[in-house]
Amino acid sequence: MMLQRFVVRLAALALLAGPLAAQNAKSSPAGGFLVGDQISLQVEGDTLFSKMFTVGQGPALTLPGIGAIPLAGVPRVEVETYLTRQLGRYLKNPTVHAKVLVRLSILGEVEHPGFYAVPADVVIGDALMVAGGPTRDAKVGDWRIERNGDRVWAGDPLRQAIAQSMTIDQMNLHTGDQIFVPRDRHDPEGTWRIIGILVTLPAAIYGITRLIH
């Protein structure tokens, strides 16, 4: 049920975004590698290279027996093709599978707040589901993405990104970025308390009036 409600709310956000131009899509091109990004690498028939690697200074990917493979200027979406070519210098016709993971903190009103390594090719809405999706108290329409305390995606641009099914890579999110889902400040219990007070006021006023007269 929680997943269904979240999907419905995302669809509503998409309708709100409508035909608006994706301003951030132009200003945030597909990103390159940063230190801390992770690469899930699998080379068929070779266990030495089939594991998770973390991008180091350079940026570069250091592989056992090979050393540092530079990643500067390599788009994350092209990592599989690039590494196939690089490993082809040491292995004969390697079959390479590679996926980039971006480590994000997903905080606030989600079921399981924390740090997650999220594939760079997933859409931003799916990234939230990695943390279990929003809680019943979440205000999904106001969630935001921050970097070093500054907002990089929020409001209409973020809604446009959701509507256009932009991926983490297309949004140029970095390792260390924070997705924050705020709490809906609407307090139904408080509302009912106010209603209860209002309901009792006429009776109280009537009682006071009887005493005066």
N, C-alpha and C. Protein backbone atom coordinates (compact mmCIF):
# COMPACT_ATOMS: atom_id res chain seq x y z
N MET A 1 0.82 -1.20 0.00
CA MET A 1 0.00 0.00 0.00
C MET A 1 0.85 1.26 0.00
N MET A 2 1.93 1.26 0.83
CA MET A 2 2.82 2.41 0.86
C MET A 2 3.42 2.67 -0.51
N LEU A 3 3.85 1.60 -1.20
CA LEU A 3 4.44 1.74 -2.53
C LEU A 3 3.43 2.30 -3.50
N GLN A 4 2.18 1.83 -3.43
CA GLN A 4 1.14 2.30 -4.34
C GLN A 4 0.86 3.78 -4.12
N ARG A 5 0.80 4.18 -2.83
CA ARG A 5 0.55 5.60 -2.55
C ARG A 5 1.69 6.47 -3.05
N PHE A 6 2.92 5.97 -2.90
CA PHE A 6 4.08 6.73 -3.37
C PHE A 6 4.05 6.90 -4.88
N VAL A 7 3.70 5.82 -5.60
CA VAL A 7 3.63 5.88 -7.06
C VAL A 7 2.57 6.87 -7.50
N VAL A 8 1.41 6.85 -6.80
CA VAL A 8 0.34 7.80 -7.14
C VAL A 8 0.79 9.23 -6.92
N ARG A 9 1.52 9.46 -5.81
CA ARG A 9 1.97 10.82 -5.52
C ARG A 9 3.02 11.27 -6.52
N LEU A 10 3.88 10.37 -6.95
CA LEU A 10 4.86 10.73 -7.97
C LEU A 10 4.16 11.07 -9.28
N ALA A 11 3.11 10.32 -9.60
CA ALA A 11 2.35 10.60 -10.82
C ALA A 11 1.71 11.98 -10.74
N ALA A 12 1.21 12.31 -9.55
CA ALA A 12 0.62 13.64 -9.37
C ALA A 12 1.65 14.73 -9.56
N LEU A 13 2.85 14.51 -9.03
CA LEU A 13 3.93 15.49 -9.22
C LEU A 13 4.27 15.64 -10.69
N ALA A 14 4.22 14.54 -11.42
CA ALA A 14 4.52 14.59 -12.85
C ALA A 14 3.50 15.44 -13.58
N LEU A 15 2.22 15.31 -13.20
CA LEU A 15 1.17 16.11 -13.82
C LEU A 15 1.34 17.58 -13.50
N LEU A 16 1.78 17.85 -12.25
CA LEU A 16 2.01 19.24 -11.87
C LEU A 16 3.12 19.86 -12.70
N ALA A 17 4.13 19.05 -13.00
CA ALA A 17 5.26 19.56 -13.77
C ALA A 17 4.84 19.88 -15.19
N GLY A 18 3.96 19.02 -15.75
CA GLY A 18 3.42 19.25 -17.08
C GLY A 18 4.47 19.48 -18.12
N PRO A 19 4.24 20.48 -19.00
CA PRO A 19 5.17 20.70 -20.11
C PRO A 19 6.32 21.63 -19.78
N LEU A 20 6.55 21.93 -18.50
CA LEU A 20 7.63 22.87 -18.15
C LEU A 20 8.96 22.38 -18.67
N ALA A 21 9.79 23.31 -19.09
CA ALA A 21 11.12 22.94 -19.60
C ALA A 21 12.01 22.49 -18.47
N ALA A 22 12.87 21.51 -18.74
CA ALA A 22 13.77 20.99 -17.70
C ALA A 22 15.02 21.87 -17.64
N GLN A 23 14.94 22.93 -16.82
CA GLN A 23 16.06 23.86 -16.74
C GLN A 23 17.32 23.18 -16.23
N ASN A 24 17.18 22.37 -15.20
CA ASN A 24 18.36 21.73 -14.63
C ASN A 24 18.91 20.64 -15.51
N ALA A 25 18.08 20.11 -16.43
CA ALA A 25 18.58 19.09 -17.35
C ALA A 25 19.67 19.68 -18.24
N LYS A 26 19.55 20.98 -18.55
CA LYS A 26 20.55 21.63 -19.40
C LYS A 26 21.76 22.06 -18.59
N SER A 27 21.50 22.51 -17.35
CA SER A 27 22.62 23.02 -16.55
C SER A 27 23.36 21.92 -15.81
N SER A 28 22.77 20.71 -15.77
CA SER A 28 23.41 19.60 -15.08
C SER A 28 23.58 18.42 -16.02
N PRO A 29 24.56 18.45 -16.90
CA PRO A 29 24.78 17.34 -17.83
C PRO A 29 25.20 16.09 -17.09
N ALA A 30 25.15 14.95 -17.80
CA ALA A 30 25.57 13.69 -17.20
C ALA A 30 26.97 13.84 -16.61
N GLY A 31 27.13 13.41 -15.37
CA GLY A 31 28.36 13.69 -14.65
C GLY A 31 29.46 12.69 -14.92
N GLY A 32 30.67 13.14 -14.59
CA GLY A 32 31.82 12.27 -14.64
C GLY A 32 32.05 11.66 -13.28
N PHE A 33 33.12 10.93 -13.14
CA PHE A 33 33.42 10.23 -11.90
C PHE A 33 33.99 11.17 -10.85
N LEU A 34 33.65 10.86 -9.60
CA LEU A 34 34.21 11.56 -8.46
C LEU A 34 34.78 10.54 -7.49
N VAL A 35 35.74 10.97 -6.70
CA VAL A 35 36.30 10.09 -5.67
C VAL A 35 35.18 9.64 -4.74
N GLY A 36 35.11 8.37 -4.49
CA GLY A 36 34.06 7.82 -3.62
C GLY A 36 32.98 7.09 -4.38
N ASP A 37 32.84 7.37 -5.69
CA ASP A 37 31.91 6.59 -6.50
C ASP A 37 32.35 5.13 -6.45
N GLN A 38 31.41 4.24 -6.63
CA GLN A 38 31.73 2.82 -6.65
C GLN A 38 31.39 2.21 -8.00
N ILE A 39 32.16 1.22 -8.39
CA ILE A 39 31.91 0.52 -9.65
C ILE A 39 31.78 -0.97 -9.35
N SER A 40 30.62 -1.50 -9.67
CA SER A 40 30.41 -2.94 -9.56
C SER A 40 30.89 -3.56 -10.88
N LEU A 41 32.00 -4.27 -10.81
CA LEU A 41 32.65 -4.80 -12.01
C LEU A 41 32.55 -6.32 -12.04
N GLN A 42 32.21 -6.84 -13.19
CA GLN A 42 32.18 -8.29 -13.39
C GLN A 42 32.82 -8.60 -14.74
N VAL A 43 33.85 -9.42 -14.71
CA VAL A 43 34.52 -9.86 -15.92
C VAL A 43 34.28 -11.36 -16.02
N GLU A 44 33.56 -11.77 -17.03
CA GLU A 44 33.20 -13.18 -17.15
C GLU A 44 34.43 -14.07 -17.22
N GLY A 45 34.44 -15.09 -16.37
CA GLY A 45 35.54 -16.04 -16.35
C GLY A 45 36.76 -15.57 -15.59
N ASP A 46 36.66 -14.41 -14.89
CA ASP A 46 37.81 -13.88 -14.16
C ASP A 46 37.34 -13.33 -12.82
N THR A 47 37.62 -14.05 -11.75
CA THR A 47 37.18 -13.62 -10.43
C THR A 47 38.03 -12.50 -9.84
N LEU A 48 39.22 -12.30 -10.36
CA LEU A 48 40.12 -11.28 -9.83
C LEU A 48 39.52 -9.89 -9.95
N PHE A 49 38.83 -9.65 -11.07
CA PHE A 49 38.28 -8.33 -11.32
C PHE A 49 36.78 -8.25 -11.05
N SER A 50 36.18 -9.33 -10.62
CA SER A 50 34.73 -9.34 -10.42
C SER A 50 34.39 -9.04 -8.97
N LYS A 51 34.33 -7.76 -8.67
CA LYS A 51 34.01 -7.31 -7.31
C LYS A 51 33.65 -5.83 -7.34
N MET A 52 33.43 -5.28 -6.17
CA MET A 52 33.11 -3.85 -6.06
C MET A 52 34.40 -3.06 -5.84
N PHE A 53 34.58 -2.01 -6.62
CA PHE A 53 35.75 -1.14 -6.50
C PHE A 53 35.31 0.29 -6.22
N THR A 54 36.13 1.00 -5.44
CA THR A 54 35.85 2.41 -5.15
C THR A 54 36.79 3.29 -5.94
N VAL A 55 36.22 4.32 -6.54
CA VAL A 55 37.01 5.26 -7.34
C VAL A 55 37.91 6.07 -6.40
N GLY A 56 39.19 6.12 -6.73
CA GLY A 56 40.15 6.84 -5.91
C GLY A 56 40.59 8.14 -6.55
N GLN A 57 41.62 8.73 -5.98
CA GLN A 57 42.13 10.02 -6.47
C GLN A 57 42.51 9.92 -7.94
N GLY A 58 42.24 11.01 -8.63
CA GLY A 58 42.55 11.06 -10.05
C GLY A 58 41.50 11.79 -10.87
N PRO A 59 40.27 11.31 -10.94
CA PRO A 59 39.79 10.03 -10.40
C PRO A 59 40.34 8.86 -11.20
N ALA A 60 40.48 7.73 -10.53
CA ALA A 60 41.02 6.55 -11.18
C ALA A 60 40.49 5.30 -10.50
N LEU A 61 40.50 4.22 -11.26
CA LEU A 61 40.09 2.92 -10.75
C LEU A 61 41.32 2.03 -10.67
N THR A 62 41.66 1.60 -9.47
CA THR A 62 42.85 0.78 -9.30
C THR A 62 42.47 -0.69 -9.27
N LEU A 63 42.99 -1.45 -10.24
CA LEU A 63 42.67 -2.87 -10.36
C LEU A 63 43.90 -3.71 -10.00
N PRO A 64 43.68 -4.85 -9.34
CA PRO A 64 44.80 -5.71 -8.95
C PRO A 64 45.58 -6.21 -10.17
N GLY A 65 46.89 -6.10 -10.09
CA GLY A 65 47.74 -6.58 -11.17
C GLY A 65 47.84 -5.64 -12.35
N ILE A 66 47.00 -4.62 -12.38
CA ILE A 66 47.00 -3.67 -13.50
C ILE A 66 47.42 -2.29 -13.03
N GLY A 67 46.87 -1.87 -11.91
CA GLY A 67 47.16 -0.53 -11.41
C GLY A 67 46.03 0.43 -11.69
N ALA A 68 46.35 1.70 -11.74
CA ALA A 68 45.33 2.74 -11.87
C ALA A 68 44.91 2.92 -13.32
N ILE A 69 43.60 2.88 -13.54
CA ILE A 69 43.01 3.19 -14.84
C ILE A 69 42.35 4.56 -14.71
N PRO A 70 42.82 5.56 -15.43
CA PRO A 70 42.27 6.92 -15.27
C PRO A 70 40.81 6.99 -15.72
N LEU A 71 40.03 7.77 -14.98
CA LEU A 71 38.61 7.95 -15.29
C LEU A 71 38.26 9.40 -15.59
N ALA A 72 39.25 10.28 -15.53
CA ALA A 72 38.98 11.70 -15.80
C ALA A 72 38.43 11.87 -17.20
N GLY A 73 37.31 12.58 -17.29
CA GLY A 73 36.71 12.85 -18.59
C GLY A 73 35.84 11.73 -19.12
N VAL A 74 35.72 10.63 -18.38
CA VAL A 74 34.90 9.51 -18.82
C VAL A 74 33.49 9.66 -18.25
N PRO A 75 32.46 9.79 -19.08
CA PRO A 75 31.09 9.85 -18.56
C PRO A 75 30.73 8.54 -17.86
N ARG A 76 30.00 8.65 -16.78
CA ARG A 76 29.64 7.45 -16.03
C ARG A 76 28.83 6.47 -16.88
N VAL A 77 28.03 7.00 -17.80
CA VAL A 77 27.18 6.12 -18.62
C VAL A 77 28.01 5.29 -19.59
N GLU A 78 29.27 5.66 -19.82
CA GLU A 78 30.11 4.95 -20.77
C GLU A 78 31.15 4.05 -20.09
N VAL A 79 30.97 3.82 -18.79
CA VAL A 79 32.00 3.10 -18.04
C VAL A 79 32.19 1.67 -18.55
N GLU A 80 31.12 0.98 -18.93
CA GLU A 80 31.26 -0.40 -19.38
C GLU A 80 32.07 -0.49 -20.67
N THR A 81 31.75 0.37 -21.62
CA THR A 81 32.48 0.38 -22.88
C THR A 81 33.94 0.75 -22.65
N TYR A 82 34.15 1.74 -21.79
CA TYR A 82 35.50 2.21 -21.52
C TYR A 82 36.34 1.13 -20.86
N LEU A 83 35.79 0.47 -19.84
CA LEU A 83 36.56 -0.55 -19.13
C LEU A 83 36.78 -1.79 -20.00
N THR A 84 35.85 -2.08 -20.88
CA THR A 84 36.05 -3.20 -21.81
C THR A 84 37.28 -2.93 -22.68
N ARG A 85 37.37 -1.69 -23.13
CA ARG A 85 38.52 -1.32 -23.97
C ARG A 85 39.82 -1.35 -23.17
N GLN A 86 39.78 -0.84 -21.95
CA GLN A 86 40.99 -0.80 -21.12
C GLN A 86 41.45 -2.21 -20.73
N LEU A 87 40.52 -3.05 -20.33
CA LEU A 87 40.88 -4.41 -19.92
C LEU A 87 41.29 -5.26 -21.12
N GLY A 88 40.84 -4.85 -22.30
CA GLY A 88 41.24 -5.57 -23.51
C GLY A 88 42.73 -5.46 -23.79
N ARG A 89 43.40 -4.53 -23.13
CA ARG A 89 44.84 -4.40 -23.28
C ARG A 89 45.58 -5.48 -22.49
N TYR A 90 44.88 -6.10 -21.53
CA TYR A 90 45.52 -7.09 -20.66
C TYR A 90 44.87 -8.47 -20.79
N LEU A 91 43.60 -8.51 -21.19
CA LEU A 91 42.88 -9.77 -21.30
C LEU A 91 42.42 -9.95 -22.75
N LYS A 92 42.25 -11.19 -23.16
CA LYS A 92 41.83 -11.48 -24.52
C LYS A 92 40.30 -11.47 -24.62
N ASN A 93 39.80 -10.52 -25.40
CA ASN A 93 38.36 -10.39 -25.66
C ASN A 93 37.52 -10.52 -24.38
N PRO A 94 37.75 -9.65 -23.40
CA PRO A 94 36.99 -9.76 -22.15
C PRO A 94 35.53 -9.37 -22.33
N THR A 95 34.66 -10.07 -21.62
CA THR A 95 33.25 -9.67 -21.54
C THR A 95 33.06 -8.98 -20.20
N VAL A 96 32.82 -7.68 -20.27
CA VAL A 96 32.81 -6.85 -19.07
C VAL A 96 31.41 -6.31 -18.80
N HIS A 97 31.02 -6.41 -17.54
CA HIS A 97 29.77 -5.79 -17.08
C HIS A 97 30.14 -4.82 -15.96
N ALA A 98 29.73 -3.58 -16.10
CA ALA A 98 30.09 -2.57 -15.11
C ALA A 98 28.90 -1.67 -14.83
N LYS A 99 28.71 -1.37 -13.56
CA LYS A 99 27.63 -0.47 -13.14
C LYS A 99 28.19 0.50 -12.11
N VAL A 100 27.86 1.77 -12.30
CA VAL A 100 28.32 2.81 -11.39
C VAL A 100 27.31 2.98 -10.26
N LEU A 101 27.82 3.06 -9.03
CA LEU A 101 26.98 3.29 -7.87
C LEU A 101 27.39 4.61 -7.21
N VAL A 102 26.40 5.44 -6.92
CA VAL A 102 26.64 6.72 -6.27
C VAL A 102 26.15 6.61 -4.83
N ARG A 103 27.02 6.93 -3.88
CA ARG A 103 26.66 6.80 -2.46
C ARG A 103 25.93 8.07 -2.01
N LEU A 104 24.66 7.91 -1.67
CA LEU A 104 23.81 9.02 -1.26
C LEU A 104 23.30 8.80 0.16
N SER A 105 23.05 9.89 0.87
CA SER A 105 22.35 9.78 2.14
C SER A 105 20.89 10.12 1.88
N ILE A 106 20.00 9.24 2.31
CA ILE A 106 18.57 9.42 2.13
C ILE A 106 17.97 9.54 3.52
N LEU A 107 17.54 10.74 3.87
CA LEU A 107 17.17 11.06 5.24
C LEU A 107 15.78 11.65 5.34
N GLY A 108 15.33 11.83 6.57
CA GLY A 108 14.02 12.42 6.81
C GLY A 108 12.95 11.36 6.92
N GLU A 109 11.78 11.65 6.37
CA GLU A 109 10.62 10.78 6.50
C GLU A 109 10.63 9.67 5.46
N VAL A 110 11.60 8.76 5.60
CA VAL A 110 11.63 7.53 4.81
C VAL A 110 11.69 6.37 5.81
N GLU A 111 11.31 5.20 5.34
CA GLU A 111 11.20 4.06 6.24
C GLU A 111 12.55 3.67 6.86
N HIS A 112 13.61 3.76 6.08
CA HIS A 112 14.92 3.32 6.58
C HIS A 112 15.99 4.36 6.22
N PRO A 113 16.07 5.48 6.94
CA PRO A 113 17.06 6.50 6.63
C PRO A 113 18.48 5.93 6.74
N GLY A 114 19.37 6.45 5.89
CA GLY A 114 20.75 5.99 5.97
C GLY A 114 21.51 6.30 4.70
N PHE A 115 22.66 5.65 4.55
CA PHE A 115 23.52 5.85 3.39
C PHE A 115 23.35 4.65 2.45
N TYR A 116 23.19 4.94 1.18
CA TYR A 116 22.94 3.88 0.21
C TYR A 116 23.77 4.11 -1.06
N ALA A 117 24.31 3.01 -1.59
CA ALA A 117 24.98 3.05 -2.88
C ALA A 117 23.93 2.75 -3.94
N VAL A 118 23.58 3.76 -4.71
CA VAL A 118 22.46 3.68 -5.66
C VAL A 118 23.00 3.68 -7.09
N PRO A 119 22.53 2.78 -7.93
CA PRO A 119 22.98 2.78 -9.33
C PRO A 119 22.72 4.12 -10.00
N ALA A 120 23.71 4.60 -10.74
CA ALA A 120 23.60 5.92 -11.36
C ALA A 120 22.57 5.97 -12.47
N ASP A 121 22.14 4.79 -12.96
CA ASP A 121 21.20 4.78 -14.08
C ASP A 121 19.75 4.61 -13.63
N VAL A 122 19.47 4.66 -12.32
CA VAL A 122 18.08 4.56 -11.87
C VAL A 122 17.45 5.94 -11.84
N VAL A 123 16.14 5.99 -12.00
CA VAL A 123 15.44 7.28 -11.94
C VAL A 123 15.37 7.72 -10.49
N ILE A 124 15.25 9.02 -10.30
CA ILE A 124 15.35 9.58 -8.96
C ILE A 124 14.26 9.07 -8.03
N GLY A 125 13.07 8.80 -8.56
CA GLY A 125 12.00 8.27 -7.71
C GLY A 125 12.34 6.91 -7.16
N ASP A 126 12.98 6.08 -7.97
CA ASP A 126 13.37 4.74 -7.51
C ASP A 126 14.44 4.82 -6.43
N ALA A 127 15.26 5.87 -6.48
CA ALA A 127 16.31 6.02 -5.46
C ALA A 127 15.69 6.13 -4.08
N LEU A 128 14.55 6.82 -3.98
CA LEU A 128 13.89 6.96 -2.70
C LEU A 128 13.38 5.62 -2.18
N MET A 129 12.99 4.73 -3.09
CA MET A 129 12.47 3.44 -2.69
C MET A 129 13.56 2.53 -2.13
N VAL A 130 14.83 2.83 -2.44
CA VAL A 130 15.93 2.04 -1.87
C VAL A 130 15.91 2.14 -0.35
N ALA A 131 15.45 3.28 0.16
CA ALA A 131 15.36 3.49 1.61
C ALA A 131 14.00 3.10 2.15
N GLY A 132 13.25 2.33 1.39
CA GLY A 132 11.96 1.84 1.86
C GLY A 132 10.78 2.72 1.51
N GLY A 133 11.05 3.84 0.83
CA GLY A 133 9.96 4.73 0.46
C GLY A 133 9.59 5.67 1.59
N PRO A 134 8.70 6.63 1.32
CA PRO A 134 8.33 7.62 2.32
C PRO A 134 7.44 7.03 3.41
N THR A 135 7.48 7.63 4.58
CA THR A 135 6.58 7.25 5.66
C THR A 135 5.22 7.91 5.44
N ARG A 136 4.27 7.56 6.28
CA ARG A 136 2.93 8.13 6.16
C ARG A 136 2.92 9.62 6.48
N ASP A 137 3.97 10.10 7.17
CA ASP A 137 4.04 11.51 7.54
C ASP A 137 4.87 12.34 6.56
N ALA A 138 5.33 11.72 5.48
CA ALA A 138 6.22 12.42 4.55
C ALA A 138 5.46 13.45 3.72
N LYS A 139 6.14 14.54 3.43
CA LYS A 139 5.62 15.54 2.50
C LYS A 139 6.44 15.43 1.23
N VAL A 140 6.06 14.47 0.38
CA VAL A 140 6.88 14.11 -0.77
C VAL A 140 7.06 15.28 -1.73
N GLY A 141 6.04 16.10 -1.87
CA GLY A 141 6.12 17.21 -2.81
C GLY A 141 7.18 18.24 -2.47
N ASP A 142 7.67 18.23 -1.24
CA ASP A 142 8.66 19.22 -0.81
C ASP A 142 10.03 18.62 -0.56
N TRP A 143 10.27 17.38 -1.01
CA TRP A 143 11.59 16.81 -0.77
C TRP A 143 12.63 17.54 -1.60
N ARG A 144 13.87 17.46 -1.18
CA ARG A 144 14.92 18.25 -1.82
C ARG A 144 16.23 17.45 -1.82
N ILE A 145 17.17 17.91 -2.64
CA ILE A 145 18.48 17.28 -2.73
C ILE A 145 19.52 18.36 -2.43
N GLU A 146 20.40 18.06 -1.48
CA GLU A 146 21.38 19.03 -1.03
C GLU A 146 22.80 18.51 -1.22
N ARG A 147 23.72 19.45 -1.37
CA ARG A 147 25.14 19.13 -1.49
C ARG A 147 25.93 20.12 -0.65
N ASN A 148 26.60 19.61 0.37
CA ASN A 148 27.37 20.48 1.27
C ASN A 148 26.52 21.61 1.85
N GLY A 149 25.26 21.28 2.18
CA GLY A 149 24.37 22.26 2.79
C GLY A 149 23.62 23.14 1.81
N ASP A 150 23.95 23.07 0.53
CA ASP A 150 23.27 23.87 -0.49
C ASP A 150 22.27 23.02 -1.25
N ARG A 151 21.13 23.61 -1.57
CA ARG A 151 20.13 22.89 -2.35
C ARG A 151 20.51 22.88 -3.82
N VAL A 152 20.59 21.69 -4.39
CA VAL A 152 20.90 21.58 -5.82
C VAL A 152 19.67 21.21 -6.63
N TRP A 153 18.69 20.58 -5.99
CA TRP A 153 17.41 20.27 -6.65
C TRP A 153 16.29 20.45 -5.62
N ALA A 154 15.26 21.20 -6.01
CA ALA A 154 14.10 21.40 -5.15
C ALA A 154 13.00 22.05 -5.98
N GLY A 155 11.78 22.05 -5.45
CA GLY A 155 10.69 22.75 -6.09
C GLY A 155 10.38 22.26 -7.50
N ASP A 156 10.06 23.21 -8.38
CA ASP A 156 9.67 22.88 -9.75
C ASP A 156 10.74 22.11 -10.52
N PRO A 157 12.02 22.51 -10.46
CA PRO A 157 13.03 21.73 -11.19
C PRO A 157 13.06 20.26 -10.78
N LEU A 158 12.90 19.99 -9.49
CA LEU A 158 12.89 18.60 -9.04
C LEU A 158 11.65 17.88 -9.53
N ARG A 159 10.51 18.57 -9.51
CA ARG A 159 9.28 17.96 -10.03
C ARG A 159 9.40 17.67 -11.53
N GLN A 160 10.08 18.54 -12.24
CA GLN A 160 10.31 18.30 -13.67
C GLN A 160 11.18 17.07 -13.87
N ALA A 161 12.20 16.94 -13.02
CA ALA A 161 13.09 15.78 -13.13
C ALA A 161 12.32 14.49 -12.90
N ILE A 162 11.41 14.50 -11.94
CA ILE A 162 10.57 13.33 -11.67
C ILE A 162 9.67 13.05 -12.87
N ALA A 163 9.05 14.10 -13.41
CA ALA A 163 8.13 13.94 -14.53
C ALA A 163 8.83 13.37 -15.76
N GLN A 164 10.08 13.73 -15.95
CA GLN A 164 10.82 13.29 -17.13
C GLN A 164 11.64 12.03 -16.87
N SER A 165 11.44 11.43 -15.69
CA SER A 165 12.14 10.18 -15.33
C SER A 165 13.65 10.32 -15.51
N MET A 166 14.17 11.44 -15.03
CA MET A 166 15.61 11.64 -15.12
C MET A 166 16.34 10.71 -14.15
N THR A 167 17.49 10.24 -14.56
CA THR A 167 18.29 9.35 -13.73
C THR A 167 19.20 10.14 -12.82
N ILE A 168 19.78 9.45 -11.87
CA ILE A 168 20.76 10.08 -10.97
C ILE A 168 21.91 10.67 -11.77
N ASP A 169 22.34 9.96 -12.81
CA ASP A 169 23.44 10.46 -13.63
C ASP A 169 23.03 11.71 -14.40
N GLN A 170 21.83 11.70 -14.98
CA GLN A 170 21.37 12.86 -15.74
C GLN A 170 21.20 14.09 -14.85
N MET A 171 20.90 13.86 -13.58
CA MET A 171 20.77 14.96 -12.64
C MET A 171 22.11 15.38 -12.05
N ASN A 172 23.17 14.67 -12.47
CA ASN A 172 24.52 14.99 -12.03
C ASN A 172 24.67 14.94 -10.52
N LEU A 173 24.05 13.93 -9.88
CA LEU A 173 24.21 13.78 -8.45
C LEU A 173 25.57 13.18 -8.14
N HIS A 174 26.13 13.59 -7.01
CA HIS A 174 27.47 13.18 -6.62
C HIS A 174 27.42 12.28 -5.39
N THR A 175 28.45 11.48 -5.22
CA THR A 175 28.62 10.76 -3.97
C THR A 175 28.69 11.78 -2.83
N GLY A 176 27.90 11.54 -1.78
CA GLY A 176 27.84 12.47 -0.66
C GLY A 176 26.63 13.38 -0.69
N ASP A 177 25.90 13.43 -1.81
CA ASP A 177 24.69 14.25 -1.87
C ASP A 177 23.63 13.68 -0.93
N GLN A 178 22.73 14.54 -0.50
CA GLN A 178 21.71 14.15 0.48
C GLN A 178 20.32 14.37 -0.10
N ILE A 179 19.52 13.30 -0.07
CA ILE A 179 18.10 13.41 -0.42
C ILE A 179 17.34 13.51 0.90
N PHE A 180 16.59 14.59 1.07
CA PHE A 180 15.88 14.80 2.33
C PHE A 180 14.38 14.93 2.08
N VAL A 181 13.61 14.11 2.78
CA VAL A 181 12.15 14.14 2.69
C VAL A 181 11.61 14.74 3.98
N PRO A 182 11.01 15.92 3.92
CA PRO A 182 10.54 16.57 5.15
C PRO A 182 9.25 15.95 5.67
N ARG A 183 8.94 16.30 6.88
CA ARG A 183 7.71 15.84 7.52
C ARG A 183 6.56 16.77 7.17
N ASP A 184 5.41 16.19 6.90
CA ASP A 184 4.21 16.99 6.67
C ASP A 184 3.80 17.59 8.00
N ARG A 185 3.79 18.90 8.08
CA ARG A 185 3.53 19.56 9.35
C ARG A 185 2.05 19.56 9.73
N HIS A 186 1.22 19.07 8.85
CA HIS A 186 -0.20 18.98 9.18
C HIS A 186 -0.38 18.02 10.35
N ASP A 187 -1.04 18.45 11.39
CA ASP A 187 -1.21 17.66 12.61
C ASP A 187 -2.68 17.31 12.78
N PRO A 188 -3.11 16.12 12.30
CA PRO A 188 -4.53 15.77 12.40
C PRO A 188 -5.02 15.70 13.83
N GLU A 189 -4.17 15.27 14.78
CA GLU A 189 -4.59 15.20 16.16
C GLU A 189 -4.85 16.60 16.72
N GLY A 190 -3.91 17.52 16.33
CA GLY A 190 -4.10 18.89 16.78
C GLY A 190 -5.36 19.50 16.21
N THR A 191 -5.65 19.16 14.95
CA THR A 191 -6.86 19.67 14.31
C THR A 191 -8.09 19.19 15.06
N TRP A 192 -8.12 17.93 15.42
CA TRP A 192 -9.28 17.38 16.13
C TRP A 192 -9.40 17.99 17.52
N ARG A 193 -8.27 18.31 18.16
CA ARG A 193 -8.33 18.95 19.46
C ARG A 193 -8.99 20.32 19.36
N ILE A 194 -8.62 21.05 18.29
CA ILE A 194 -9.21 22.37 18.08
C ILE A 194 -10.70 22.25 17.82
N ILE A 195 -11.07 21.26 16.99
CA ILE A 195 -12.48 21.06 16.69
C ILE A 195 -13.24 20.73 17.98
N GLY A 196 -12.63 19.88 18.85
CA GLY A 196 -13.27 19.53 20.11
C GLY A 196 -13.51 20.75 20.98
N ILE A 197 -12.51 21.65 21.02
CA ILE A 197 -12.66 22.88 21.81
C ILE A 197 -13.79 23.74 21.26
N LEU A 198 -13.85 23.85 19.94
CA LEU A 198 -14.88 24.67 19.31
C LEU A 198 -16.27 24.10 19.56
N VAL A 199 -16.36 22.77 19.57
CA VAL A 199 -17.66 22.13 19.81
C VAL A 199 -18.14 22.39 21.23
N THR A 200 -17.22 22.40 22.19
CA THR A 200 -17.62 22.59 23.59
C THR A 200 -17.88 24.05 23.94
N LEU A 201 -17.40 24.97 23.13
CA LEU A 201 -17.58 26.39 23.45
C LEU A 201 -19.04 26.81 23.55
N PRO A 202 -19.91 26.45 22.59
CA PRO A 202 -21.32 26.88 22.71
C PRO A 202 -21.96 26.42 24.01
N ALA A 203 -21.67 25.15 24.42
CA ALA A 203 -22.25 24.64 25.66
C ALA A 203 -21.73 25.41 26.86
N ALA A 204 -20.45 25.75 26.84
CA ALA A 204 -19.87 26.50 27.95
C ALA A 204 -20.47 27.90 28.02
N ILE A 205 -20.61 28.53 26.86
CA ILE A 205 -21.19 29.88 26.82
C ILE A 205 -22.62 29.85 27.32
N TYR A 206 -23.37 28.81 26.90
CA TYR A 206 -24.76 28.68 27.32
C TYR A 206 -24.84 28.53 28.84
N GLY A 207 -23.91 27.71 29.41
CA GLY A 207 -23.92 27.52 30.85
C GLY A 207 -23.61 28.80 31.59
N ILE A 208 -22.65 29.56 31.11
CA ILE A 208 -22.30 30.84 31.74
C ILE A 208 -23.47 31.80 31.68
N THR A 209 -24.16 31.82 30.52
CA THR A 209 -25.31 32.70 30.35
C THR A 209 -26.41 32.38 31.35
N ARG A 210 -26.67 31.08 31.58
CA ARG A 210 -27.68 30.66 32.56
C ARG A 210 -27.33 31.15 33.96
N LEU A 211 -26.01 31.08 34.28
CA LEU A 211 -25.60 31.51 35.61
C LEU A 211 -25.78 33.00 35.80
N ILE A 212 -25.50 33.76 34.72
CA ILE A 212 -25.62 35.24 34.81
C ILE A 212 -27.08 35.63 35.04
N HIS A 213 -27.95 34.94 34.31
CA HIS A 213 -29.36 35.32 34.42
C HIS A 213 -30.04 34.59 35.57
